[in-house]
Amino acid sequence: MGPFTGRVIAPEHVDICKNNNLMWEVFNEDGTVRYFIDASQEDHRSWMTYIKCARNEQEQNLEVVQIGTSIFYKAIEMIPPDQELLVWYGNSHNTFLGIPGVPGLEEEQKKNKHGR
């Protein structure tokens, strides 16, 4: 499903102290962040913006896939009608969403808070 739509933002223009829960990272082949796709503005959103995060890996029925420079959601099981779509932001895709356990984010926030 996709691609996830939004405004393209360069990494240096992202405020990591702001709520970025409607933003996805797009990576270069070497794993560095190429840019972010920000769906916080309504005129840049699609229905994919409203897919919620699963509470755990077992609850998910979608996973995140980057193809080229586009972000898609892929069903990982048969999803019956009227079942909520849930994506787990686990190890398959690094995320900027501020979800606990994402490596590096807490350290980056501490550095910025202390001015280092």
PDB file of N, CA and C in Angstrom:
ATOM      1  N   MET A   1       0.856  -1.162   0.000  1.00  0.00           N
ATOM      2  CA  MET A   1       0.000   0.000   0.000  1.00  0.00           C
ATOM      3  C   MET A   1       0.899   1.219   0.000  1.00  0.00           C
ATOM      4  N   GLY A   2       0.564   2.160  -0.824  1.00  0.00           N
ATOM      5  CA  GLY A   2       1.362   3.366  -0.800  1.00  0.00           C
ATOM      6  C   GLY A   2       1.538   3.966  -2.179  1.00  0.00           C
ATOM      7  N   PRO A   3       2.448   4.878  -2.267  1.00  0.00           N
ATOM      8  CA  PRO A   3       3.432   5.258  -1.249  1.00  0.00           C
ATOM      9  C   PRO A   3       2.860   6.215  -0.203  1.00  0.00           C
ATOM     10  N   PHE A   4       3.543   6.265   0.935  1.00  0.00           N
ATOM     11  CA  PHE A   4       3.245   7.219   1.996  1.00  0.00           C
ATOM     12  C   PHE A   4       3.552   8.606   1.445  1.00  0.00           C
ATOM     13  N   THR A   5       2.614   9.540   1.578  1.00  0.00           N
ATOM     14  CA  THR A   5       2.807  10.865   0.990  1.00  0.00           C
ATOM     15  C   THR A   5       3.006  11.924   2.065  1.00  0.00           C
ATOM     16  N   GLY A   6       3.675  12.985   1.670  1.00  0.00           N
ATOM     17  CA  GLY A   6       3.920  14.097   2.575  1.00  0.00           C
ATOM     18  C   GLY A   6       4.929  15.049   1.979  1.00  0.00           C
ATOM     19  N   ARG A   7       5.275  16.026   2.763  1.00  0.00           N
ATOM     20  CA  ARG A   7       6.250  17.034   2.365  1.00  0.00           C
ATOM     21  C   ARG A   7       7.644  16.484   2.635  1.00  0.00           C
ATOM     22  N   VAL A   8       8.549  16.626   1.675  1.00  0.00           N
ATOM     23  CA  VAL A   8       9.928  16.164   1.833  1.00  0.00           C
ATOM     24  C   VAL A   8      10.703  17.215   2.627  1.00  0.00           C
ATOM     25  N   ILE A   9      11.384  16.754   3.685  1.00  0.00           N
ATOM     26  CA  ILE A   9      12.150  17.654   4.550  1.00  0.00           C
ATOM     27  C   ILE A   9      13.567  17.113   4.699  1.00  0.00           C
ATOM     28  N   ALA A  10      14.548  17.977   4.513  1.00  0.00           N
ATOM     29  CA  ALA A  10      15.953  17.599   4.700  1.00  0.00           C
ATOM     30  C   ALA A  10      16.215  17.341   6.184  1.00  0.00           C
ATOM     31  N   PRO A  11      17.109  16.400   6.499  1.00  0.00           N
ATOM     32  CA  PRO A  11      17.379  16.065   7.905  1.00  0.00           C
ATOM     33  C   PRO A  11      17.749  17.270   8.768  1.00  0.00           C
ATOM     34  N   GLU A  12      18.480  18.204   8.216  1.00  0.00           N
ATOM     35  CA  GLU A  12      18.908  19.362   9.015  1.00  0.00           C
ATOM     36  C   GLU A  12      17.766  20.329   9.338  1.00  0.00           C
ATOM     37  N   HIS A  13      16.615  20.151   8.713  1.00  0.00           N
ATOM     38  CA  HIS A  13      15.463  21.024   8.968  1.00  0.00           C
ATOM     39  C   HIS A  13      14.406  20.384   9.871  1.00  0.00           C
ATOM     40  N   VAL A  14      14.730  19.243  10.468  1.00  0.00           N
ATOM     41  CA  VAL A  14      13.781  18.543  11.339  1.00  0.00           C
ATOM     42  C   VAL A  14      14.056  18.908  12.795  1.00  0.00           C
ATOM     43  N   ASP A  15      13.022  19.293  13.507  1.00  0.00           N
ATOM     44  CA  ASP A  15      13.116  19.602  14.933  1.00  0.00           C
ATOM     45  C   ASP A  15      12.844  18.321  15.713  1.00  0.00           C
ATOM     46  N   ILE A  16      13.891  17.719  16.292  1.00  0.00           N
ATOM     47  CA  ILE A  16      13.708  16.432  16.977  1.00  0.00           C
ATOM     48  C   ILE A  16      12.986  16.575  18.312  1.00  0.00           C
ATOM     49  N   CYS A  17      12.818  17.797  18.792  1.00  0.00           N
ATOM     50  CA  CYS A  17      12.073  18.014  20.042  1.00  0.00           C
ATOM     51  C   CYS A  17      10.574  18.145  19.788  1.00  0.00           C
ATOM     52  N   LYS A  18      10.189  18.259  18.537  1.00  0.00           N
ATOM     53  CA  LYS A  18       8.786  18.400  18.140  1.00  0.00           C
ATOM     54  C   LYS A  18       8.147  17.010  17.989  1.00  0.00           C
ATOM     55  N   ASN A  19       6.842  16.931  18.094  1.00  0.00           N
ATOM     56  CA  ASN A  19       6.126  15.681  17.858  1.00  0.00           C
ATOM     57  C   ASN A  19       6.173  15.372  16.361  1.00  0.00           C
ATOM     58  N   ASN A  20       6.904  14.340  16.003  1.00  0.00           N
ATOM     59  CA  ASN A  20       7.082  13.965  14.601  1.00  0.00           C
ATOM     60  C   ASN A  20       6.417  12.634  14.293  1.00  0.00           C
ATOM     61  N   ASN A  21       5.268  12.378  14.917  1.00  0.00           N
ATOM     62  CA  ASN A  21       4.626  11.073  14.761  1.00  0.00           C
ATOM     63  C   ASN A  21       3.997  10.858  13.391  1.00  0.00           C
ATOM     64  N   LEU A  22       3.990  11.862  12.536  1.00  0.00           N
ATOM     65  CA  LEU A  22       3.468  11.696  11.175  1.00  0.00           C
ATOM     66  C   LEU A  22       4.598  11.826  10.158  1.00  0.00           C
ATOM     67  N   MET A  23       5.773  11.375  10.547  1.00  0.00           N
ATOM     68  CA  MET A  23       6.950  11.537   9.714  1.00  0.00           C
ATOM     69  C   MET A  23       7.690  10.204   9.570  1.00  0.00           C
ATOM     70  N   TRP A  24       8.160   9.930   8.354  1.00  0.00           N
ATOM     71  CA  TRP A  24       8.955   8.736   8.080  1.00  0.00           C
ATOM     72  C   TRP A  24      10.325   9.135   7.572  1.00  0.00           C
ATOM     73  N   GLU A  25      11.328   8.345   7.928  1.00  0.00           N
ATOM     74  CA  GLU A  25      12.669   8.509   7.386  1.00  0.00           C
ATOM     75  C   GLU A  25      12.775   7.751   6.078  1.00  0.00           C
ATOM     76  N   VAL A  26      13.480   8.317   5.122  1.00  0.00           N
ATOM     77  CA  VAL A  26      13.839   7.622   3.885  1.00  0.00           C
ATOM     78  C   VAL A  26      15.357   7.526   3.894  1.00  0.00           C
ATOM     79  N   PHE A  27      15.864   6.309   3.719  1.00  0.00           N
ATOM     80  CA  PHE A  27      17.294   6.057   3.860  1.00  0.00           C
ATOM     81  C   PHE A  27      17.999   5.937   2.515  1.00  0.00           C
ATOM     82  N   ASN A  28      19.278   6.323   2.520  1.00  0.00           N
ATOM     83  CA  ASN A  28      20.169   6.050   1.398  1.00  0.00           C
ATOM     84  C   ASN A  28      20.590   4.589   1.480  1.00  0.00           C
ATOM     85  N   GLU A  29      21.256   4.099   0.449  1.00  0.00           N
ATOM     86  CA  GLU A  29      21.702   2.703   0.436  1.00  0.00           C
ATOM     87  C   GLU A  29      22.666   2.395   1.569  1.00  0.00           C
ATOM     88  N   ASP A  30      23.423   3.391   2.029  1.00  0.00           N
ATOM     89  CA  ASP A  30      24.393   3.163   3.104  1.00  0.00           C
ATOM     90  C   ASP A  30      23.776   3.261   4.503  1.00  0.00           C
ATOM     91  N   GLY A  31      22.460   3.466   4.580  1.00  0.00           N
ATOM     92  CA  GLY A  31      21.769   3.511   5.860  1.00  0.00           C
ATOM     93  C   GLY A  31      21.648   4.892   6.471  1.00  0.00           C
ATOM     94  N   THR A  32      22.217   5.901   5.835  1.00  0.00           N
ATOM     95  CA  THR A  32      22.066   7.266   6.335  1.00  0.00           C
ATOM     96  C   THR A  32      20.715   7.825   5.894  1.00  0.00           C
ATOM     97  N   VAL A  33      20.233   8.810   6.625  1.00  0.00           N
ATOM     98  CA  VAL A  33      18.933   9.403   6.300  1.00  0.00           C
ATOM     99  C   VAL A  33      19.079  10.326   5.099  1.00  0.00           C
ATOM    100  N   ARG A  34      18.295  10.049   4.084  1.00  0.00           N
ATOM    101  CA  ARG A  34      18.283  10.884   2.875  1.00  0.00           C
ATOM    102  C   ARG A  34      17.394  12.106   3.089  1.00  0.00           C
ATOM    103  N   TYR A  35      16.170  11.860   3.559  1.00  0.00           N
ATOM    104  CA  TYR A  35      15.223  12.923   3.895  1.00  0.00           C
ATOM    105  C   TYR A  35      14.082  12.321   4.690  1.00  0.00           C
ATOM    106  N   PHE A  36      13.171  13.166   5.117  1.00  0.00           N
ATOM    107  CA  PHE A  36      11.986  12.744   5.848  1.00  0.00           C
ATOM    108  C   PHE A  36      10.756  13.052   5.009  1.00  0.00           C
ATOM    109  N   ILE A  37       9.729  12.228   5.163  1.00  0.00           N
ATOM    110  CA  ILE A  37       8.429  12.505   4.555  1.00  0.00           C
ATOM    111  C   ILE A  37       7.502  12.893   5.700  1.00  0.00           C
ATOM    112  N   ASP A  38       7.060  14.144   5.685  1.00  0.00           N
ATOM    113  CA  ASP A  38       6.258  14.709   6.765  1.00  0.00           C
ATOM    114  C   ASP A  38       4.804  14.854   6.320  1.00  0.00           C
ATOM    115  N   ALA A  39       3.914  14.124   6.980  1.00  0.00           N
ATOM    116  CA  ALA A  39       2.485  14.173   6.639  1.00  0.00           C
ATOM    117  C   ALA A  39       1.691  14.971   7.670  1.00  0.00           C
ATOM    118  N   SER A  40       2.352  15.874   8.386  1.00  0.00           N
ATOM    119  CA  SER A  40       1.649  16.631   9.425  1.00  0.00           C
ATOM    120  C   SER A  40       0.687  17.672   8.854  1.00  0.00           C
ATOM    121  N   GLN A  41       0.917  18.126   7.636  1.00  0.00           N
ATOM    122  CA  GLN A  41       0.000  19.081   7.014  1.00  0.00           C
ATOM    123  C   GLN A  41      -1.081  18.312   6.255  1.00  0.00           C
ATOM    124  N   GLU A  42      -2.339  18.630   6.527  1.00  0.00           N
ATOM    125  CA  GLU A  42      -3.458  17.870   5.962  1.00  0.00           C
ATOM    126  C   GLU A  42      -3.448  17.796   4.447  1.00  0.00           C
ATOM    127  N   ASP A  43      -3.014  18.847   3.781  1.00  0.00           N
ATOM    128  CA  ASP A  43      -3.023  18.837   2.316  1.00  0.00           C
ATOM    129  C   ASP A  43      -1.943  17.934   1.720  1.00  0.00           C
ATOM    130  N   HIS A  44      -1.061  17.374   2.561  1.00  0.00           N
ATOM    131  CA  HIS A  44      -0.030  16.445   2.097  1.00  0.00           C
ATOM    132  C   HIS A  44      -0.297  15.006   2.543  1.00  0.00           C
ATOM    133  N   ARG A  45      -1.436  14.750   3.175  1.00  0.00           N
ATOM    134  CA  ARG A  45      -1.731  13.431   3.747  1.00  0.00           C
ATOM    135  C   ARG A  45      -2.503  12.536   2.799  1.00  0.00           C
ATOM    136  N   SER A  46      -2.346  11.239   3.053  1.00  0.00           N
ATOM    137  CA  SER A  46      -3.230  10.240   2.453  1.00  0.00           C
ATOM    138  C   SER A  46      -3.808   9.420   3.609  1.00  0.00           C
ATOM    139  N   TRP A  47      -4.657   8.484   3.292  1.00  0.00           N
ATOM    140  CA  TRP A  47      -5.259   7.628   4.317  1.00  0.00           C
ATOM    141  C   TRP A  47      -4.199   6.843   5.081  1.00  0.00           C
ATOM    142  N   MET A  48      -3.029   6.625   4.474  1.00  0.00           N
ATOM    143  CA  MET A  48      -1.963   5.858   5.136  1.00  0.00           C
ATOM    144  C   MET A  48      -1.460   6.541   6.403  1.00  0.00           C
ATOM    145  N   THR A  49      -1.638   7.838   6.495  1.00  0.00           N
ATOM    146  CA  THR A  49      -1.212   8.592   7.673  1.00  0.00           C
ATOM    147  C   THR A  49      -1.924   8.099   8.928  1.00  0.00           C
ATOM    148  N   TYR A  50      -3.113   7.560   8.778  1.00  0.00           N
ATOM    149  CA  TYR A  50      -3.943   7.201   9.923  1.00  0.00           C
ATOM    150  C   TYR A  50      -3.772   5.755  10.378  1.00  0.00           C
ATOM    151  N   ILE A  51      -2.867   5.017   9.765  1.00  0.00           N
ATOM    152  CA  ILE A  51      -2.584   3.657  10.231  1.00  0.00           C
ATOM    153  C   ILE A  51      -1.840   3.763  11.551  1.00  0.00           C
ATOM    154  N   LYS A  52      -2.308   3.042  12.537  1.00  0.00           N
ATOM    155  CA  LYS A  52      -1.759   3.151  13.890  1.00  0.00           C
ATOM    156  C   LYS A  52      -0.637   2.154  14.130  1.00  0.00           C
ATOM    157  N   CYS A  53       0.114   2.450  15.173  1.00  0.00           N
ATOM    158  CA  CYS A  53       1.211   1.596  15.605  1.00  0.00           C
ATOM    159  C   CYS A  53       0.660   0.452  16.452  1.00  0.00           C
ATOM    160  N   ALA A  54       1.113  -0.756  16.152  1.00  0.00           N
ATOM    161  CA  ALA A  54       0.754  -1.909  16.983  1.00  0.00           C
ATOM    162  C   ALA A  54       1.424  -1.761  18.351  1.00  0.00           C
ATOM    163  N   ARG A  55       0.833  -2.340  19.372  1.00  0.00           N
ATOM    164  CA  ARG A  55       1.414  -2.276  20.717  1.00  0.00           C
ATOM    165  C   ARG A  55       2.605  -3.206  20.875  1.00  0.00           C
ATOM    166  N   ASN A  56       2.673  -4.213  20.015  1.00  0.00           N
ATOM    167  CA  ASN A  56       3.791  -5.154  20.054  1.00  0.00           C
ATOM    168  C   ASN A  56       3.885  -5.840  18.698  1.00  0.00           C
ATOM    169  N   GLU A  57       4.940  -6.582  18.511  1.00  0.00           N
ATOM    170  CA  GLU A  57       5.195  -7.228  17.227  1.00  0.00           C
ATOM    171  C   GLU A  57       4.117  -8.251  16.865  1.00  0.00           C
ATOM    172  N   GLN A  58       3.571  -8.934  17.857  1.00  0.00           N
ATOM    173  CA  GLN A  58       2.563  -9.964  17.605  1.00  0.00           C
ATOM    174  C   GLN A  58       1.242  -9.373  17.105  1.00  0.00           C
ATOM    175  N   GLU A  59       0.965  -8.129  17.439  1.00  0.00           N
ATOM    176  CA  GLU A  59      -0.291  -7.488  17.071  1.00  0.00           C
ATOM    177  C   GLU A  59      -0.283  -6.935  15.642  1.00  0.00           C
ATOM    178  N   GLN A  60       0.886  -6.761  15.087  1.00  0.00           N
ATOM    179  CA  GLN A  60       0.986  -6.138  13.758  1.00  0.00           C
ATOM    180  C   GLN A  60       0.377  -7.004  12.668  1.00  0.00           C
ATOM    181  N   ASN A  61      -0.148  -6.335  11.643  1.00  0.00           N
ATOM    182  CA  ASN A  61      -0.560  -7.042  10.433  1.00  0.00           C
ATOM    183  C   ASN A  61       0.036  -6.375   9.188  1.00  0.00           C
ATOM    184  N   LEU A  62       0.816  -5.314   9.408  1.00  0.00           N
ATOM    185  CA  LEU A  62       1.529  -4.628   8.332  1.00  0.00           C
ATOM    186  C   LEU A  62       2.986  -4.440   8.728  1.00  0.00           C
ATOM    187  N   GLU A  63       3.844  -4.324   7.713  1.00  0.00           N
ATOM    188  CA  GLU A  63       5.220  -3.930   7.969  1.00  0.00           C
ATOM    189  C   GLU A  63       5.592  -2.806   7.012  1.00  0.00           C
ATOM    190  N   VAL A  64       6.618  -2.061   7.366  1.00  0.00           N
ATOM    191  CA  VAL A  64       7.089  -0.936   6.564  1.00  0.00           C
ATOM    192  C   VAL A  64       8.132  -1.438   5.577  1.00  0.00           C
ATOM    193  N   VAL A  65       8.000  -0.979   4.326  1.00  0.00           N
ATOM    194  CA  VAL A  65       8.953  -1.357   3.285  1.00  0.00           C
ATOM    195  C   VAL A  65       9.363  -0.093   2.540  1.00  0.00           C
ATOM    196  N   GLN A  66      10.666   0.088   2.348  1.00  0.00           N
ATOM    197  CA  GLN A  66      11.146   1.183   1.512  1.00  0.00           C
ATOM    198  C   GLN A  66      11.557   0.600   0.172  1.00  0.00           C
ATOM    199  N   ILE A  67      10.967   1.117  -0.900  1.00  0.00           N
ATOM    200  CA  ILE A  67      11.319   0.707  -2.261  1.00  0.00           C
ATOM    201  C   ILE A  67      11.809   1.954  -2.968  1.00  0.00           C
ATOM    202  N   GLY A  68      13.081   1.956  -3.321  1.00  0.00           N
ATOM    203  CA  GLY A  68      13.678   3.169  -3.870  1.00  0.00           C
ATOM    204  C   GLY A  68      13.653   4.233  -2.795  1.00  0.00           C
ATOM    205  N   THR A  69      13.006   5.348  -3.082  1.00  0.00           N
ATOM    206  CA  THR A  69      12.887   6.419  -2.086  1.00  0.00           C
ATOM    207  C   THR A  69      11.438   6.594  -1.632  1.00  0.00           C
ATOM    208  N   SER A  70      10.647   5.552  -1.759  1.00  0.00           N
ATOM    209  CA  SER A  70       9.238   5.599  -1.350  1.00  0.00           C
ATOM    210  C   SER A  70       8.986   4.624  -0.206  1.00  0.00           C
ATOM    211  N   ILE A  71       8.056   4.993   0.670  1.00  0.00           N
ATOM    212  CA  ILE A  71       7.673   4.170   1.817  1.00  0.00           C
ATOM    213  C   ILE A  71       6.311   3.540   1.544  1.00  0.00           C
ATOM    214  N   PHE A  72       6.238   2.231   1.771  1.00  0.00           N
ATOM    215  CA  PHE A  72       5.001   1.474   1.576  1.00  0.00           C
ATOM    216  C   PHE A  72       4.713   0.664   2.827  1.00  0.00           C
ATOM    217  N   TYR A  73       3.466   0.248   2.992  1.00  0.00           N
ATOM    218  CA  TYR A  73       3.080  -0.723   4.003  1.00  0.00           C
ATOM    219  C   TYR A  73       2.720  -2.007   3.269  1.00  0.00           C
ATOM    220  N   LYS A  74       3.172  -3.133   3.828  1.00  0.00           N
ATOM    221  CA  LYS A  74       2.934  -4.440   3.221  1.00  0.00           C
ATOM    222  C   LYS A  74       2.217  -5.328   4.237  1.00  0.00           C
ATOM    223  N   ALA A  75       1.128  -5.968   3.794  1.00  0.00           N
ATOM    224  CA  ALA A  75       0.411  -6.906   4.667  1.00  0.00           C
ATOM    225  C   ALA A  75       1.284  -8.133   4.890  1.00  0.00           C
ATOM    226  N   ILE A  76       1.394  -8.571   6.140  1.00  0.00           N
ATOM    227  CA  ILE A  76       2.209  -9.743   6.449  1.00  0.00           C
ATOM    228  C   ILE A  76       1.351 -10.959   6.779  1.00  0.00           C
ATOM    229  N   GLU A  77       0.034 -10.778   6.686  1.00  0.00           N
ATOM    230  CA  GLU A  77      -0.905 -11.878   6.915  1.00  0.00           C
ATOM    231  C   GLU A  77      -2.225 -11.508   6.250  1.00  0.00           C
ATOM    232  N   MET A  78      -3.109 -12.473   6.155  1.00  0.00           N
ATOM    233  CA  MET A  78      -4.451 -12.174   5.649  1.00  0.00           C
ATOM    234  C   MET A  78      -5.154 -11.289   6.676  1.00  0.00           C
ATOM    235  N   ILE A  79      -5.752 -10.207   6.198  1.00  0.00           N
ATOM    236  CA  ILE A  79      -6.430  -9.267   7.096  1.00  0.00           C
ATOM    237  C   ILE A  79      -7.924  -9.316   6.791  1.00  0.00           C
ATOM    238  N   PRO A  80      -8.718  -9.822   7.745  1.00  0.00           N
ATOM    239  CA  PRO A  80     -10.161  -9.917   7.509  1.00  0.00           C
ATOM    240  C   PRO A  80     -10.808  -8.532   7.433  1.00  0.00           C
ATOM    241  N   PRO A  81     -11.979  -8.441   6.804  1.00  0.00           N
ATOM    242  CA  PRO A  81     -12.704  -7.163   6.758  1.00  0.00           C
ATOM    243  C   PRO A  81     -12.946  -6.627   8.171  1.00  0.00           C
ATOM    244  N   ASP A  82     -12.916  -5.322   8.294  1.00  0.00           N
ATOM    245  CA  ASP A  82     -13.190  -4.610   9.548  1.00  0.00           C
ATOM    246  C   ASP A  82     -12.113  -4.777  10.619  1.00  0.00           C
ATOM    247  N   GLN A  83     -10.978  -5.372  10.284  1.00  0.00           N
ATOM    248  CA  GLN A  83      -9.878  -5.444  11.251  1.00  0.00           C
ATOM    249  C   GLN A  83      -8.996  -4.212  11.066  1.00  0.00           C
ATOM    250  N   GLU A  84      -8.584  -3.613  12.174  1.00  0.00           N
ATOM    251  CA  GLU A  84      -7.744  -2.417  12.112  1.00  0.00           C
ATOM    252  C   GLU A  84      -6.366  -2.757  11.547  1.00  0.00           C
ATOM    253  N   LEU A  85      -5.856  -1.876  10.704  1.00  0.00           N
ATOM    254  CA  LEU A  85      -4.508  -2.022  10.166  1.00  0.00           C
ATOM    255  C   LEU A  85      -3.526  -1.487  11.196  1.00  0.00           C
ATOM    256  N   LEU A  86      -2.529  -2.307  11.545  1.00  0.00           N
ATOM    257  CA  LEU A  86      -1.554  -1.942  12.566  1.00  0.00           C
ATOM    258  C   LEU A  86      -0.153  -2.272  12.080  1.00  0.00           C
ATOM    259  N   VAL A  87       0.729  -1.305  12.192  1.00  0.00           N
ATOM    260  CA  VAL A  87       2.115  -1.507  11.772  1.00  0.00           C
ATOM    261  C   VAL A  87       3.009  -1.463  13.005  1.00  0.00           C
ATOM    262  N   TRP A  88       4.007  -2.334  13.026  1.00  0.00           N
ATOM    263  CA  TRP A  88       4.961  -2.386  14.130  1.00  0.00           C
ATOM    264  C   TRP A  88       6.252  -1.745  13.651  1.00  0.00           C
ATOM    265  N   TYR A  89       6.720  -0.755  14.395  1.00  0.00           N
ATOM    266  CA  TYR A  89       7.950  -0.050  14.030  1.00  0.00           C
ATOM    267  C   TYR A  89       9.118  -0.736  14.710  1.00  0.00           C
ATOM    268  N   GLY A  90       9.395  -1.946  14.294  1.00  0.00           N
ATOM    269  CA  GLY A  90      10.431  -2.745  14.923  1.00  0.00           C
ATOM    270  C   GLY A  90      11.761  -2.626  14.222  1.00  0.00           C
ATOM    271  N   ASN A  91      12.504  -3.702  14.233  1.00  0.00           N
ATOM    272  CA  ASN A  91      13.866  -3.701  13.717  1.00  0.00           C
ATOM    273  C   ASN A  91      13.964  -3.668  12.203  1.00  0.00           C
ATOM    274  N   SER A  92      12.861  -3.916  11.488  1.00  0.00           N
ATOM    275  CA  SER A  92      12.939  -3.948  10.031  1.00  0.00           C
ATOM    276  C   SER A  92      13.139  -2.567   9.432  1.00  0.00           C
ATOM    277  N   HIS A  93      12.838  -1.524  10.188  1.00  0.00           N
ATOM    278  CA  HIS A  93      12.964  -0.162   9.668  1.00  0.00           C
ATOM    279  C   HIS A  93      13.259   0.764  10.835  1.00  0.00           C
ATOM    280  N   ASN A  94      14.387   1.453  10.788  1.00  0.00           N
ATOM    281  CA  ASN A  94      14.672   2.452  11.823  1.00  0.00           C
ATOM    282  C   ASN A  94      13.668   3.579  11.680  1.00  0.00           C
ATOM    283  N   THR A  95      13.241   4.119  12.799  1.00  0.00           N
ATOM    284  CA  THR A  95      12.241   5.180  12.723  1.00  0.00           C
ATOM    285  C   THR A  95      12.636   6.379  13.553  1.00  0.00           C
ATOM    286  N   PHE A  96      12.096   7.494  13.180  1.00  0.00           N
ATOM    287  CA  PHE A  96      12.341   8.759  13.859  1.00  0.00           C
ATOM    288  C   PHE A  96      11.177   9.112  14.765  1.00  0.00           C
ATOM    289  N   LEU A  97      10.215   8.271  14.882  1.00  0.00           N
ATOM    290  CA  LEU A  97       8.948   8.634  15.500  1.00  0.00           C
ATOM    291  C   LEU A  97       9.006   8.832  17.008  1.00  0.00           C
ATOM    292  N   GLY A  98      10.153   8.608  17.624  1.00  0.00           N
ATOM    293  CA  GLY A  98      10.251   8.807  19.062  1.00  0.00           C
ATOM    294  C   GLY A  98       9.672   7.667  19.863  1.00  0.00           C
ATOM    295  N   ILE A  99       9.551   6.509  19.248  1.00  0.00           N
ATOM    296  CA  ILE A  99       9.023   5.339  19.936  1.00  0.00           C
ATOM    297  C   ILE A  99      10.135   4.758  20.802  1.00  0.00           C
ATOM    298  N   PRO A 100       9.869   4.454  22.076  1.00  0.00           N
ATOM    299  CA  PRO A 100      10.916   3.931  22.961  1.00  0.00           C
ATOM    300  C   PRO A 100      11.615   2.726  22.357  1.00  0.00           C
ATOM    301  N   GLY A 101      12.919   2.687  22.553  1.00  0.00           N
ATOM    302  CA  GLY A 101      13.699   1.567  22.063  1.00  0.00           C
ATOM    303  C   GLY A 101      14.345   1.806  20.721  1.00  0.00           C
ATOM    304  N   VAL A 102      14.043   2.930  20.076  1.00  0.00           N
ATOM    305  CA  VAL A 102      14.691   3.227  18.805  1.00  0.00           C
ATOM    306  C   VAL A 102      16.104   3.683  19.117  1.00  0.00           C
ATOM    307  N   PRO A 103      17.126   2.942  18.626  1.00  0.00           N
ATOM    308  CA  PRO A 103      18.500   3.265  18.974  1.00  0.00           C
ATOM    309  C   PRO A 103      18.886   4.663  18.518  1.00  0.00           C
ATOM    310  N   GLY A 104      19.590   5.371  19.399  1.00  0.00           N
ATOM    311  CA  GLY A 104      20.168   6.651  19.031  1.00  0.00           C
ATOM    312  C   GLY A 104      19.297   7.856  19.307  1.00  0.00           C
ATOM    313  N   LEU A 105      18.009   7.728  19.332  1.00  0.00           N
ATOM    314  CA  LEU A 105      17.140   8.893  19.473  1.00  0.00           C
ATOM    315  C   LEU A 105      17.273   9.532  20.849  1.00  0.00           C
ATOM    316  N   GLU A 106      17.254   8.730  21.909  1.00  0.00           N
ATOM    317  CA  GLU A 106      17.353   9.291  23.252  1.00  0.00           C
ATOM    318  C   GLU A 106      18.679  10.012  23.450  1.00  0.00           C
ATOM    319  N   GLU A 107      19.772   9.435  22.938  1.00  0.00           N
ATOM    320  CA  GLU A 107      21.077  10.065  23.060  1.00  0.00           C
ATOM    321  C   GLU A 107      21.104  11.397  22.323  1.00  0.00           C
ATOM    322  N   GLU A 108      20.498  11.449  21.142  1.00  0.00           N
ATOM    323  CA  GLU A 108      20.450  12.677  20.351  1.00  0.00           C
ATOM    324  C   GLU A 108      19.650  13.753  21.085  1.00  0.00           C
ATOM    325  N   GLN A 109      18.538  13.385  21.690  1.00  0.00           N
ATOM    326  CA  GLN A 109      17.727  14.353  22.427  1.00  0.00           C
ATOM    327  C   GLN A 109      18.487  14.889  23.636  1.00  0.00           C
ATOM    328  N   LYS A 110      19.233  14.019  24.339  1.00  0.00           N
ATOM    329  CA  LYS A 110      20.013  14.460  25.493  1.00  0.00           C
ATOM    330  C   LYS A 110      21.093  15.443  25.070  1.00  0.00           C
ATOM    331  N   LYS A 111      21.772  15.147  23.944  1.00  0.00           N
ATOM    332  CA  LYS A 111      22.820  16.045  23.449  1.00  0.00           C
ATOM    333  C   LYS A 111      22.244  17.419  23.154  1.00  0.00           C
ATOM    334  N   ASN A 112      21.114  17.466  22.473  1.00  0.00           N
ATOM    335  CA  ASN A 112      20.499  18.744  22.120  1.00  0.00           C
ATOM    336  C   ASN A 112      20.008  19.493  23.357  1.00  0.00           C
ATOM    337  N   LYS A 113      19.500  18.771  24.331  1.00  0.00           N
ATOM    338  CA  LYS A 113      18.989  19.394  25.550  1.00  0.00           C
ATOM    339  C   LYS A 113      20.112  20.052  26.341  1.00  0.00           C
ATOM    340  N   HIS A 114      21.276  19.395  26.348  1.00  0.00           N
ATOM    341  CA  HIS A 114      22.411  19.899  27.116  1.00  0.00           C
ATOM    342  C   HIS A 114      23.349  20.763  26.279  1.00  0.00           C
ATOM    343  N   GLY A 115      22.994  20.997  25.024  1.00  0.00           N
ATOM    344  CA  GLY A 115      23.783  21.873  24.171  1.00  0.00           C
ATOM    345  C   GLY A 115      25.116  21.310  23.744  1.00  0.00           C
ATOM    346  N   ARG A 116      25.220  20.015  23.672  1.00  0.00           N
ATOM    347  CA  ARG A 116      26.480  19.388  23.239  1.00  0.00           C
ATOM    348  C   ARG A 116      26.445  19.027  21.797  1.00  0.00           C
TER     349      ARG A 116
END
